[in-house]
Amino acid sequence: MIAVVVGALLFKGFERLWDMLPWVALILAVLVIVGLVAMVRILRRTDDMFSMVIAIVVGVFVTLGPLAFQLSTG
């Protein structure tokens, strides 16, 4: 439940960030995605590729999703 709330807050934060400071949002998006993958790697303590791919997909959706929605709506 906490992860859903944090993900939603990140999504809304990146939505505003892409609108105001796109270069900062891009740098932070990369850092968030790398951070998620690192967290999965630390918590799982294995080379579980499936979990890392899920972390990448979730990171891309949360950080780059708002940009995609902004570009699609004009």
N, C-alpha and C. Protein backbone atom coordinates (compact mmCIF):
# COMPACT_ATOMS: atom_id res chain seq x y z
N MET A 1 0.82 -1.19 0.00
CA MET A 1 0.00 0.00 0.00
C MET A 1 0.87 1.26 0.00
N ILE A 2 1.93 1.23 0.79
CA ILE A 2 2.82 2.38 0.87
C ILE A 2 3.49 2.62 -0.49
N ALA A 3 3.86 1.54 -1.17
CA ALA A 3 4.51 1.68 -2.48
C ALA A 3 3.59 2.34 -3.49
N VAL A 4 2.29 2.04 -3.41
CA VAL A 4 1.33 2.66 -4.33
C VAL A 4 1.23 4.16 -4.08
N VAL A 5 1.19 4.54 -2.82
CA VAL A 5 1.11 5.96 -2.47
C VAL A 5 2.39 6.69 -2.91
N VAL A 6 3.54 6.09 -2.63
CA VAL A 6 4.82 6.70 -3.03
C VAL A 6 4.89 6.80 -4.56
N GLY A 7 4.46 5.77 -5.26
CA GLY A 7 4.46 5.79 -6.72
C GLY A 7 3.55 6.88 -7.27
N ALA A 8 2.38 7.03 -6.67
CA ALA A 8 1.45 8.07 -7.12
C ALA A 8 2.02 9.47 -6.87
N LEU A 9 2.65 9.64 -5.71
CA LEU A 9 3.26 10.94 -5.41
C LEU A 9 4.42 11.24 -6.36
N LEU A 10 5.22 10.23 -6.67
CA LEU A 10 6.31 10.42 -7.63
C LEU A 10 5.76 10.78 -9.00
N PHE A 11 4.70 10.10 -9.40
CA PHE A 11 4.08 10.38 -10.70
C PHE A 11 3.61 11.83 -10.78
N LYS A 12 2.88 12.26 -9.75
CA LYS A 12 2.39 13.65 -9.74
C LYS A 12 3.54 14.64 -9.66
N GLY A 13 4.57 14.31 -8.89
CA GLY A 13 5.74 15.19 -8.81
C GLY A 13 6.44 15.33 -10.14
N PHE A 14 6.62 14.20 -10.84
CA PHE A 14 7.25 14.26 -12.15
C PHE A 14 6.35 14.95 -13.17
N GLU A 15 5.05 14.87 -12.99
CA GLU A 15 4.12 15.57 -13.88
C GLU A 15 4.38 17.08 -13.82
N ARG A 16 4.53 17.59 -12.63
CA ARG A 16 4.81 19.03 -12.47
C ARG A 16 6.23 19.37 -12.89
N LEU A 17 7.17 18.47 -12.57
CA LEU A 17 8.57 18.71 -12.88
C LEU A 17 8.81 18.75 -14.39
N TRP A 18 8.17 17.84 -15.14
CA TRP A 18 8.33 17.86 -16.60
C TRP A 18 7.79 19.16 -17.19
N ASP A 19 6.78 19.71 -16.55
CA ASP A 19 6.19 20.96 -17.05
C ASP A 19 7.08 22.16 -16.76
N MET A 20 7.73 22.17 -15.58
CA MET A 20 8.50 23.34 -15.18
C MET A 20 9.99 23.24 -15.51
N LEU A 21 10.62 22.11 -15.22
CA LEU A 21 12.07 21.95 -15.38
C LEU A 21 12.38 20.62 -16.08
N PRO A 22 12.22 20.56 -17.38
CA PRO A 22 12.37 19.27 -18.07
C PRO A 22 13.77 18.65 -17.96
N TRP A 23 14.82 19.47 -17.94
CA TRP A 23 16.18 18.90 -17.85
C TRP A 23 16.43 18.29 -16.48
N VAL A 24 15.93 18.93 -15.46
CA VAL A 24 16.05 18.39 -14.11
C VAL A 24 15.23 17.10 -14.00
N ALA A 25 14.05 17.10 -14.59
CA ALA A 25 13.20 15.91 -14.58
C ALA A 25 13.89 14.74 -15.26
N LEU A 26 14.57 15.00 -16.36
CA LEU A 26 15.27 13.94 -17.08
C LEU A 26 16.38 13.32 -16.23
N ILE A 27 17.15 14.17 -15.59
CA ILE A 27 18.24 13.69 -14.74
C ILE A 27 17.68 12.91 -13.55
N LEU A 28 16.64 13.45 -12.92
CA LEU A 28 16.03 12.77 -11.78
C LEU A 28 15.36 11.46 -12.20
N ALA A 29 14.80 11.42 -13.41
CA ALA A 29 14.17 10.19 -13.89
C ALA A 29 15.19 9.07 -13.98
N VAL A 30 16.34 9.38 -14.54
CA VAL A 30 17.41 8.37 -14.64
C VAL A 30 17.84 7.92 -13.25
N LEU A 31 18.00 8.87 -12.34
CA LEU A 31 18.42 8.52 -10.97
C LEU A 31 17.37 7.68 -10.25
N VAL A 32 16.10 7.99 -10.45
CA VAL A 32 15.03 7.21 -9.81
C VAL A 32 15.01 5.79 -10.35
N ILE A 33 15.14 5.63 -11.67
CA ILE A 33 15.13 4.30 -12.26
C ILE A 33 16.32 3.48 -11.77
N VAL A 34 17.50 4.09 -11.77
CA VAL A 34 18.69 3.39 -11.28
C VAL A 34 18.53 3.05 -9.80
N GLY A 35 17.95 3.95 -9.03
CA GLY A 35 17.71 3.71 -7.61
C GLY A 35 16.75 2.56 -7.37
N LEU A 36 15.69 2.48 -8.17
CA LEU A 36 14.75 1.37 -8.03
C LEU A 36 15.42 0.03 -8.33
N VAL A 37 16.19 0.00 -9.40
CA VAL A 37 16.90 -1.24 -9.75
C VAL A 37 17.88 -1.62 -8.65
N ALA A 38 18.58 -0.63 -8.11
CA ALA A 38 19.53 -0.91 -7.02
C ALA A 38 18.81 -1.42 -5.78
N MET A 39 17.66 -0.85 -5.46
CA MET A 39 16.89 -1.32 -4.32
C MET A 39 16.43 -2.76 -4.50
N VAL A 40 15.97 -3.08 -5.70
CA VAL A 40 15.54 -4.45 -5.97
C VAL A 40 16.73 -5.39 -5.85
N ARG A 41 17.85 -4.99 -6.36
CA ARG A 41 19.06 -5.83 -6.30
C ARG A 41 19.49 -6.06 -4.85
N ILE A 42 19.42 -5.01 -4.03
CA ILE A 42 19.81 -5.14 -2.63
C ILE A 42 18.80 -5.99 -1.86
N LEU A 43 17.52 -5.74 -2.07
CA LEU A 43 16.50 -6.47 -1.32
C LEU A 43 16.39 -7.94 -1.74
N ARG A 44 16.54 -8.22 -3.03
CA ARG A 44 16.41 -9.59 -3.51
C ARG A 44 17.68 -10.40 -3.31
N ARG A 45 18.83 -9.74 -3.29
CA ARG A 45 20.14 -10.37 -3.09
C ARG A 45 20.44 -11.49 -4.08
N THR A 46 19.82 -11.43 -5.24
CA THR A 46 20.10 -12.42 -6.29
C THR A 46 20.15 -11.70 -7.63
N ASP A 47 20.49 -12.44 -8.66
CA ASP A 47 20.48 -11.90 -10.02
C ASP A 47 19.15 -12.21 -10.69
N ASP A 48 18.07 -11.83 -10.03
CA ASP A 48 16.73 -12.07 -10.54
C ASP A 48 16.40 -11.04 -11.61
N MET A 49 16.55 -11.41 -12.86
CA MET A 49 16.33 -10.47 -13.97
C MET A 49 14.87 -10.03 -14.06
N PHE A 50 13.94 -10.92 -13.75
CA PHE A 50 12.52 -10.58 -13.84
C PHE A 50 12.18 -9.41 -12.91
N SER A 51 12.66 -9.46 -11.68
CA SER A 51 12.40 -8.38 -10.72
C SER A 51 13.04 -7.07 -11.16
N MET A 52 14.23 -7.17 -11.74
CA MET A 52 14.90 -5.95 -12.21
C MET A 52 14.16 -5.34 -13.40
N VAL A 53 13.65 -6.18 -14.28
CA VAL A 53 12.88 -5.67 -15.43
C VAL A 53 11.59 -5.00 -14.94
N ILE A 54 10.94 -5.59 -13.96
CA ILE A 54 9.74 -4.97 -13.39
C ILE A 54 10.09 -3.62 -12.78
N ALA A 55 11.21 -3.53 -12.07
CA ALA A 55 11.64 -2.26 -11.48
C ALA A 55 11.89 -1.21 -12.56
N ILE A 56 12.49 -1.62 -13.67
CA ILE A 56 12.74 -0.68 -14.77
C ILE A 56 11.43 -0.21 -15.38
N VAL A 57 10.51 -1.13 -15.61
CA VAL A 57 9.21 -0.77 -16.21
C VAL A 57 8.44 0.17 -15.29
N VAL A 58 8.41 -0.13 -14.00
CA VAL A 58 7.71 0.74 -13.05
C VAL A 58 8.40 2.11 -12.99
N GLY A 59 9.72 2.12 -12.98
CA GLY A 59 10.45 3.39 -12.96
C GLY A 59 10.18 4.23 -14.18
N VAL A 60 10.16 3.60 -15.34
CA VAL A 60 9.87 4.32 -16.58
C VAL A 60 8.45 4.86 -16.56
N PHE A 61 7.51 4.05 -16.10
CA PHE A 61 6.11 4.51 -16.06
C PHE A 61 5.95 5.69 -15.11
N VAL A 62 6.55 5.61 -13.94
CA VAL A 62 6.38 6.66 -12.92
C VAL A 62 7.09 7.94 -13.32
N THR A 63 8.26 7.83 -13.97
CA THR A 63 9.04 9.03 -14.27
C THR A 63 8.80 9.58 -15.67
N LEU A 64 8.67 8.72 -16.65
CA LEU A 64 8.49 9.18 -18.02
C LEU A 64 7.03 9.15 -18.46
N GLY A 65 6.18 8.46 -17.70
CA GLY A 65 4.76 8.41 -18.01
C GLY A 65 4.11 9.79 -18.05
N PRO A 66 4.37 10.64 -17.05
CA PRO A 66 3.77 11.98 -17.11
C PRO A 66 4.18 12.77 -18.36
N LEU A 67 5.41 12.60 -18.81
CA LEU A 67 5.85 13.27 -20.03
C LEU A 67 5.07 12.75 -21.23
N ALA A 68 4.89 11.45 -21.29
CA ALA A 68 4.13 10.85 -22.41
C ALA A 68 2.69 11.36 -22.40
N PHE A 69 2.08 11.45 -21.23
CA PHE A 69 0.71 11.96 -21.15
C PHE A 69 0.64 13.43 -21.57
N GLN A 70 1.62 14.22 -21.18
CA GLN A 70 1.64 15.63 -21.57
C GLN A 70 1.79 15.79 -23.07
N LEU A 71 2.68 14.99 -23.66
CA LEU A 71 2.91 15.08 -25.11
C LEU A 71 1.70 14.59 -25.90
N SER A 72 1.01 13.60 -25.37
CA SER A 72 -0.15 13.06 -26.10
C SER A 72 -1.36 13.97 -26.03
N THR A 73 -1.48 14.76 -24.96
CA THR A 73 -2.63 15.66 -24.84
C THR A 73 -2.35 17.02 -25.44
N GLY A 74 -1.12 17.28 -25.80
CA GLY A 74 -0.79 18.55 -26.45
C GLY A 74 -0.40 19.56 -25.46
